[in-house]
Amino acid sequence: MKKLILPAVFALLYIAFIVLYAVLILTSASPLLWKALIGGLILVTAPVMVYVFIQRYREFKEEEKDDLSKY
């Protein structure tokens, strides 16, 4: 379970950074179309990071089961 701490911290930091960056872009003084495109594309990466983290968590669980079956 200790192996999972670093990916969790990285995922949380990445999501926080992406959301903050998207908010900064959405509040900038640029045309609405650019804000929607750039902010939308950036915000789409946050759920992808959550999905990748869940996949990684499942991999760690499978490794634990495999390790226990070896002994």
Foldseek 3Di string as FASTA:
>chain_A
DVVLPVLVVVLVVLLVVLLVVLVVLLPDPDDPVVNCVVSVVSNVVSVVSVVVSVVVVVVVVVVVVVVVVVD
